[in-house]
Every structure is written in structure tokens, then in C-alpha cells.
Amino acid sequence: MYKVVIIDDEPIIVEGLGKSVDWDRFGCAVAGMALNGEEGMKLIREIEPDIIFTDIRMPCMDGLTMIAAIRSEFPGTQIAILTGYRDFDYAQRAISLGVTRFLLKPSKMNEIKEALSVMTARLKERDDRQAPEKETGGKDETVKEESADSAAGSFLVKNAVSYIEEHCSEKLKLSDVADQVYVSQWHLSKLLNRYLGQNFSEILNGVRIEKAKEMLKEPGLRIGDIAEEVGFSDMAHFSRVFKKVVGISANEYRNKL
């Protein structure tokens, strides 16, 4: 039986979908339900479902980032979106990230059944691919999934770097950034290395040093104040990192300007 998780901030939709669909007919069983994105991600990590029905317009969450997180951390999972948000570009972006179906509320039962048919068929193809001999159709599907996984990973890294740039002056930890893009810190660390070839500390320090270089153009600003402003509480640490990244000291850099 394929495990299904349903996520929506409207209880009537969660309960209705759970009860109205003949899940057995599709070889599925509802393994969990959640009423918000945060609770939904915890449930997904706990259950590791095969199929997810989720809204993407819930309070205090970025729907596309959540979708990318699921696709990146659980690449074999099939996702169907249930939403009242009627935006074509948004739908296209979601599909590029690996969503199987984008269903507008109120969704008709035949649309939900069609989505289930497609998702279970893809899951069966996924299972068949584990056999030594792979059919051409399976290979094509693998290429599609790998493309979606790559798009999801790239999307998450872009969002993570944007968050680092906005909050670099704070006492930022890898776990803080991972929380913002809905993945584990271990998975985010792997993505940063894969797409940028750097670890979190290197990226954070690089962002801070770039900001410091801009501030050094202002002769009235003390270097110690600049170091603190960009997130270094220790002047000696700032000096070491600056010279390592730029090749010269902050004072030499200012003089060259």
C-alpha cells in the first residue's frame, strides 16, 4: 500500500479528502494528516509518504519552497497541489519543481482520481526501475525526475543564499537557514556543497566579507565597527577571514581604494 499524507489549513478539506476517496482502489492508505506546513513537514519526515496532497497557500509558509524541499529531500514522492490560488506562472513554477498535478479548489472527484491514477502509475514505474532491465519509458521518466530534483535543489540553494545575505549580520547558524527552506540542516549542507562547492561557513563568511568591502569605501567608518556590523563579534577573527578571502588585510584593501 502506498502511504498518503494530506496537508491543508482547512480541516473540512483534510477530513473530506480522507473520507471521500476510495484509497484501497488505488492501492493507497492515508498515513497522516496535517493542518499547516510546519506540522506537514514533520509528518513527512516521520512517515516518508509515497503521495502528498497539499495546499501551498497556508499561513506562515512559502509554498514553492516547501514543494522544493519535499522534492529535494524525498525525490521519489509524488505531489499533488490542492489550491484556490489561480496563478498560471505560479502553477508552472510548481510543476517545474516536480509537482505531478496542480488542482484548483473546489476539485472534482474525477480530477482527484485522475491525479491518483497518474501518481500511483509513476510509483509503480519507480519500483520497476529497480529491476536490472529498464524499459525506455522508465528511462525517460528517470530523466524527468532528475530534472525536477535539480530544479528543486537549485531553487532551495537560491532561497538559502538570499536568506543568508539578508541576515548575515546576525548570529546565523546552518539550522536557522535550513528551517527557512524546510529541509534538514544535513540536507541543506549537502545541497550547498553540490551547487556552490562551499560549506555554510564559507558562504556566510563570503557574504559578510563582500558587505565589509562595500562599507570600507566609506572612510569615516572604523574597521572595528564594520567587522561588528557585518556579523563578526571578534575583530581578530574578522581580520583572519578577510585576508583569507581577499588576499590582503582590510586596512590594505581600504588604502588601495
Protein backbone atom coordinates (compact mmCIF):
# COMPACT_ATOMS: atom_id res chain seq x y z
CA MET A 1 0.00 0.00 0.00
CA TYR A 2 1.28 3.48 -0.90
CA LYS A 3 1.32 5.88 2.05
CA VAL A 4 -0.58 9.17 1.61
CA VAL A 5 -0.27 12.41 3.60
CA ILE A 6 -2.83 15.23 3.31
CA ILE A 7 -1.90 18.82 4.29
CA ASP A 8 -4.32 21.76 4.29
CA ASP A 9 -5.22 24.53 6.73
CA GLU A 10 -8.94 23.87 6.15
CA PRO A 11 -9.99 20.91 8.34
CA ILE A 12 -13.07 20.24 6.22
CA ILE A 13 -10.88 19.61 3.16
CA VAL A 14 -8.44 17.37 5.05
CA GLU A 15 -11.21 15.29 6.58
CA GLY A 16 -13.32 15.28 3.42
CA LEU A 17 -10.48 14.10 1.20
CA GLY A 18 -9.51 11.47 3.73
CA LYS A 19 -13.01 10.01 3.86
CA SER A 20 -14.42 10.52 0.35
CA VAL A 21 -11.70 8.84 -1.73
CA ASP A 22 -11.68 5.06 -2.16
CA TRP A 23 -7.98 4.80 -1.34
CA ASP A 24 -7.96 0.97 -1.38
CA ARG A 25 -8.93 1.02 -5.04
CA PHE A 26 -5.65 2.78 -5.85
CA GLY A 27 -3.55 0.66 -3.52
CA CYS A 28 -3.17 3.58 -1.09
CA ALA A 29 -3.81 4.35 2.57
CA VAL A 30 -3.92 7.70 4.36
CA ALA A 31 -0.99 7.57 6.79
CA GLY A 32 -1.29 11.08 8.21
CA MET A 33 -2.98 14.49 8.06
CA ALA A 34 -1.73 17.98 8.97
CA LEU A 35 -3.31 21.43 9.20
CA ASN A 36 -0.25 23.58 8.44
CA GLY A 37 3.03 23.43 6.57
CA GLU A 38 5.30 23.10 9.61
CA GLU A 39 3.28 20.22 11.01
CA GLY A 40 3.12 18.74 7.50
CA MET A 41 6.92 18.71 7.06
CA LYS A 42 7.36 17.00 10.43
CA LEU A 43 4.82 14.39 9.38
CA ILE A 44 6.53 13.86 6.01
CA ARG A 45 9.92 13.26 7.66
CA GLU A 46 8.33 10.87 10.14
CA ILE A 47 6.23 8.87 7.66
CA GLU A 48 8.17 9.33 4.38
CA PRO A 49 4.96 9.06 2.30
CA ASP A 50 4.72 8.00 -1.32
CA ILE A 51 1.98 10.54 -2.15
CA ILE A 52 1.24 14.02 -0.79
CA PHE A 53 -1.86 16.15 -1.33
CA THR A 54 -1.14 19.66 -0.09
CA ASP A 55 -2.23 23.26 -0.26
CA ILE A 56 0.54 25.81 -0.89
CA ARG A 57 -1.23 28.93 0.36
CA MET A 58 -1.13 28.36 4.09
CA PRO A 59 -0.21 30.90 6.81
CA CYS A 60 3.47 31.50 7.67
CA MET A 61 4.95 29.42 4.86
CA ASP A 62 6.38 29.69 1.37
CA GLY A 63 4.53 27.08 -0.69
CA LEU A 64 7.03 26.78 -3.52
CA THR A 65 9.94 26.42 -1.10
CA MET A 66 8.06 23.69 0.75
CA ILE A 67 7.44 21.84 -2.55
CA ALA A 68 11.12 22.17 -3.49
CA ALA A 69 12.13 20.90 -0.05
CA ILE A 70 9.95 17.81 -0.40
CA ARG A 71 11.20 17.08 -3.91
CA SER A 72 14.83 17.55 -2.91
CA GLU A 73 14.75 15.59 0.35
CA PHE A 74 12.28 12.91 -0.83
CA PRO A 75 12.77 12.72 -4.61
CA GLY A 76 10.56 9.66 -5.14
CA THR A 77 7.48 11.25 -3.55
CA GLN A 78 4.55 12.19 -5.78
CA ILE A 79 2.93 15.58 -5.03
CA ALA A 80 -0.50 16.94 -5.94
CA ILE A 81 -1.37 20.52 -5.07
CA LEU A 82 -4.88 21.49 -3.98
CA THR A 83 -5.25 25.27 -4.00
CA GLY A 84 -7.56 28.16 -4.63
CA TYR A 85 -4.65 30.27 -5.88
CA ARG A 86 -5.28 30.80 -9.59
CA ASP A 87 -1.98 31.99 -10.97
CA PHE A 88 -0.64 30.38 -14.14
CA ASP A 89 3.02 31.35 -13.58
CA TYR A 90 2.89 30.00 -10.03
CA ALA A 91 1.42 26.74 -11.30
CA GLN A 92 4.11 26.44 -13.98
CA ARG A 93 6.84 27.03 -11.39
CA ALA A 94 5.35 24.37 -9.12
CA ILE A 95 5.22 21.87 -11.98
CA SER A 96 8.85 22.62 -12.91
CA LEU A 97 9.77 21.75 -9.33
CA GLY A 98 8.25 18.31 -9.75
CA VAL A 99 4.56 18.60 -8.85
CA THR A 100 2.52 15.92 -10.61
CA ARG A 101 -0.86 17.69 -10.57
CA PHE A 102 -1.98 21.28 -9.83
CA LEU A 103 -5.66 21.06 -8.81
CA LEU A 104 -7.79 24.14 -8.23
CA LYS A 105 -10.32 24.18 -5.38
CA PRO A 106 -13.03 23.08 -5.33
CA SER A 107 -11.59 20.00 -7.03
CA LYS A 108 -13.94 17.46 -8.58
CA MET A 109 -13.67 13.83 -7.56
CA ASN A 110 -12.78 12.72 -11.08
CA GLU A 111 -9.80 15.16 -11.04
CA ILE A 112 -8.55 13.72 -7.76
CA LYS A 113 -8.97 10.16 -9.06
CA GLU A 114 -7.09 11.03 -12.25
CA ALA A 115 -4.27 12.53 -10.20
CA LEU A 116 -4.12 9.39 -8.06
CA SER A 117 -4.04 7.17 -11.14
CA VAL A 118 -1.09 9.10 -12.57
CA MET A 119 0.80 9.22 -9.28
CA THR A 120 0.38 5.52 -8.49
CA ALA A 121 1.42 4.65 -12.07
CA ARG A 122 4.61 6.69 -11.63
CA LEU A 123 5.29 5.00 -8.31
CA LYS A 124 4.96 1.59 -9.96
CA GLU A 125 7.38 2.71 -12.70
CA ARG A 126 9.76 3.85 -9.98
CA ASP A 127 9.57 0.42 -8.35
CA ASP A 128 10.06 -1.34 -11.70
CA ARG A 129 13.21 0.71 -12.34
CA GLN A 130 14.91 -1.13 -9.54
CA ALA A 131 14.96 -4.24 -11.78
CA PRO A 132 18.16 -4.90 -13.81
CA GLU A 133 16.50 -4.27 -17.16
CA LYS A 134 14.83 -0.87 -17.67
CA GLU A 135 12.39 -0.05 -20.37
CA THR A 136 12.78 3.11 -22.48
CA GLY A 137 9.73 4.74 -20.91
CA GLY A 138 11.23 4.20 -17.47
CA LYS A 139 14.46 5.85 -18.57
CA ASP A 140 12.58 8.86 -19.93
CA GLU A 141 10.72 9.19 -16.64
CA THR A 142 14.01 8.99 -14.75
CA VAL A 143 15.37 11.91 -16.78
CA LYS A 144 12.24 13.95 -15.99
CA GLU A 145 12.54 13.21 -12.27
CA GLU A 146 16.24 14.06 -12.20
CA SER A 147 15.49 17.36 -13.93
CA ALA A 148 12.81 18.19 -11.35
CA ASP A 149 15.15 17.22 -8.49
CA SER A 150 17.84 19.50 -9.91
CA ALA A 151 15.39 22.39 -10.25
CA ALA A 152 14.21 21.85 -6.68
CA GLY A 153 17.75 21.77 -5.31
CA SER A 154 18.78 24.89 -7.23
CA PHE A 155 15.62 26.70 -6.04
CA LEU A 156 16.36 25.84 -2.39
CA VAL A 157 20.00 26.94 -2.62
CA LYS A 158 18.98 30.26 -4.18
CA ASN A 159 16.49 30.88 -1.36
CA ALA A 160 19.02 29.82 1.28
CA VAL A 161 21.69 32.21 -0.06
CA SER A 162 19.14 35.05 -0.21
CA TYR A 163 18.29 34.45 3.45
CA ILE A 164 21.98 34.39 4.38
CA GLU A 165 22.53 37.70 2.56
CA GLU A 166 19.61 39.33 4.38
CA HIS A 167 20.60 38.05 7.84
CA CYS A 168 24.41 37.78 7.63
CA SER A 169 24.92 40.34 10.40
CA GLU A 170 23.06 38.11 12.87
CA LYS A 171 24.42 35.10 14.78
CA LEU A 172 23.35 32.81 11.98
CA LYS A 173 23.54 29.01 12.15
CA LEU A 174 23.05 26.43 9.44
CA SER A 175 19.96 25.17 11.26
CA ASP A 176 18.40 28.67 11.11
CA VAL A 177 18.72 28.74 7.32
CA ALA A 178 17.55 25.12 6.95
CA ASP A 179 14.38 25.98 8.88
CA GLN A 180 13.64 28.74 6.37
CA VAL A 181 13.77 26.36 3.40
CA TYR A 182 12.03 23.44 5.16
CA VAL A 183 14.88 20.91 4.92
CA SER A 184 17.18 19.32 7.49
CA GLN A 185 20.49 21.06 8.09
CA TRP A 186 22.28 17.91 6.88
CA HIS A 187 20.41 18.04 3.57
CA LEU A 188 20.98 21.78 3.15
CA SER A 189 24.70 21.29 3.79
CA LYS A 190 24.78 18.66 1.04
CA LEU A 191 22.93 20.98 -1.38
CA LEU A 192 25.26 23.92 -0.71
CA ASN A 193 28.30 21.76 -1.40
CA ARG A 194 26.73 20.26 -4.52
CA TYR A 195 25.61 23.53 -6.13
CA LEU A 196 28.14 26.04 -4.78
CA GLY A 197 31.13 23.90 -3.86
CA GLN A 198 31.29 25.55 -0.43
CA ASN A 199 30.13 24.76 3.09
CA PHE A 200 27.84 27.01 5.12
CA SER A 201 30.65 28.82 6.98
CA GLU A 202 32.47 29.63 3.75
CA ILE A 203 29.31 31.03 2.17
CA LEU A 204 28.39 33.06 5.25
CA ASN A 205 31.91 34.47 5.58
CA GLY A 206 31.99 35.28 1.88
CA VAL A 207 28.75 37.23 2.12
CA ARG A 208 29.96 39.09 5.21
CA ILE A 209 33.28 39.99 3.58
CA GLU A 210 31.54 41.30 0.44
CA LYS A 211 29.41 43.52 2.64
CA ALA A 212 32.53 44.67 4.55
CA LYS A 213 34.28 45.55 1.28
CA GLU A 214 31.39 47.85 0.36
CA MET A 215 31.48 49.52 3.78
CA LEU A 216 35.26 50.03 3.57
CA LYS A 217 34.59 52.51 0.77
CA GLU A 218 33.33 54.87 3.47
CA PRO A 219 36.49 56.39 5.04
CA GLY A 220 34.60 57.60 8.10
CA LEU A 221 33.74 54.07 9.25
CA ARG A 222 36.14 52.36 11.65
CA ILE A 223 37.21 48.86 10.62
CA GLY A 224 36.23 47.50 14.03
CA ASP A 225 32.72 48.88 13.63
CA ILE A 226 32.48 47.43 10.13
CA ALA A 227 33.53 43.98 11.42
CA GLU A 228 30.79 44.09 14.05
CA GLU A 229 28.21 45.44 11.60
CA VAL A 230 28.67 42.53 9.17
CA GLY A 231 28.41 39.90 11.90
CA PHE A 232 31.91 39.36 13.38
CA SER A 233 31.99 39.73 17.16
CA ASP A 234 35.75 39.11 17.20
CA MET A 235 37.97 41.63 15.37
CA ALA A 236 40.84 39.13 15.12
CA HIS A 237 38.54 36.58 13.50
CA PHE A 238 37.33 39.20 11.02
CA SER A 239 40.92 40.08 10.12
CA ARG A 240 41.85 36.43 9.52
CA VAL A 241 38.78 35.74 7.39
CA PHE A 242 39.15 38.98 5.39
CA LYS A 243 42.78 38.24 4.49
CA LYS A 244 41.95 34.63 3.62
CA VAL A 245 39.08 35.66 1.31
CA VAL A 246 40.51 38.84 -0.22
CA GLY A 247 44.25 38.13 -0.03
CA ILE A 248 45.15 41.34 1.81
CA SER A 249 44.15 42.93 5.12
CA ALA A 250 41.10 45.15 5.47
CA ASN A 251 43.34 48.17 6.04
CA GLU A 252 45.39 47.41 2.92
CA TYR A 253 42.19 46.96 0.96
CA ARG A 254 40.92 50.36 2.11
CA ASN A 255 44.22 52.02 1.22
CA LYS A 256 44.10 50.51 -2.28
CA LEU A 257 40.63 52.00 -2.72
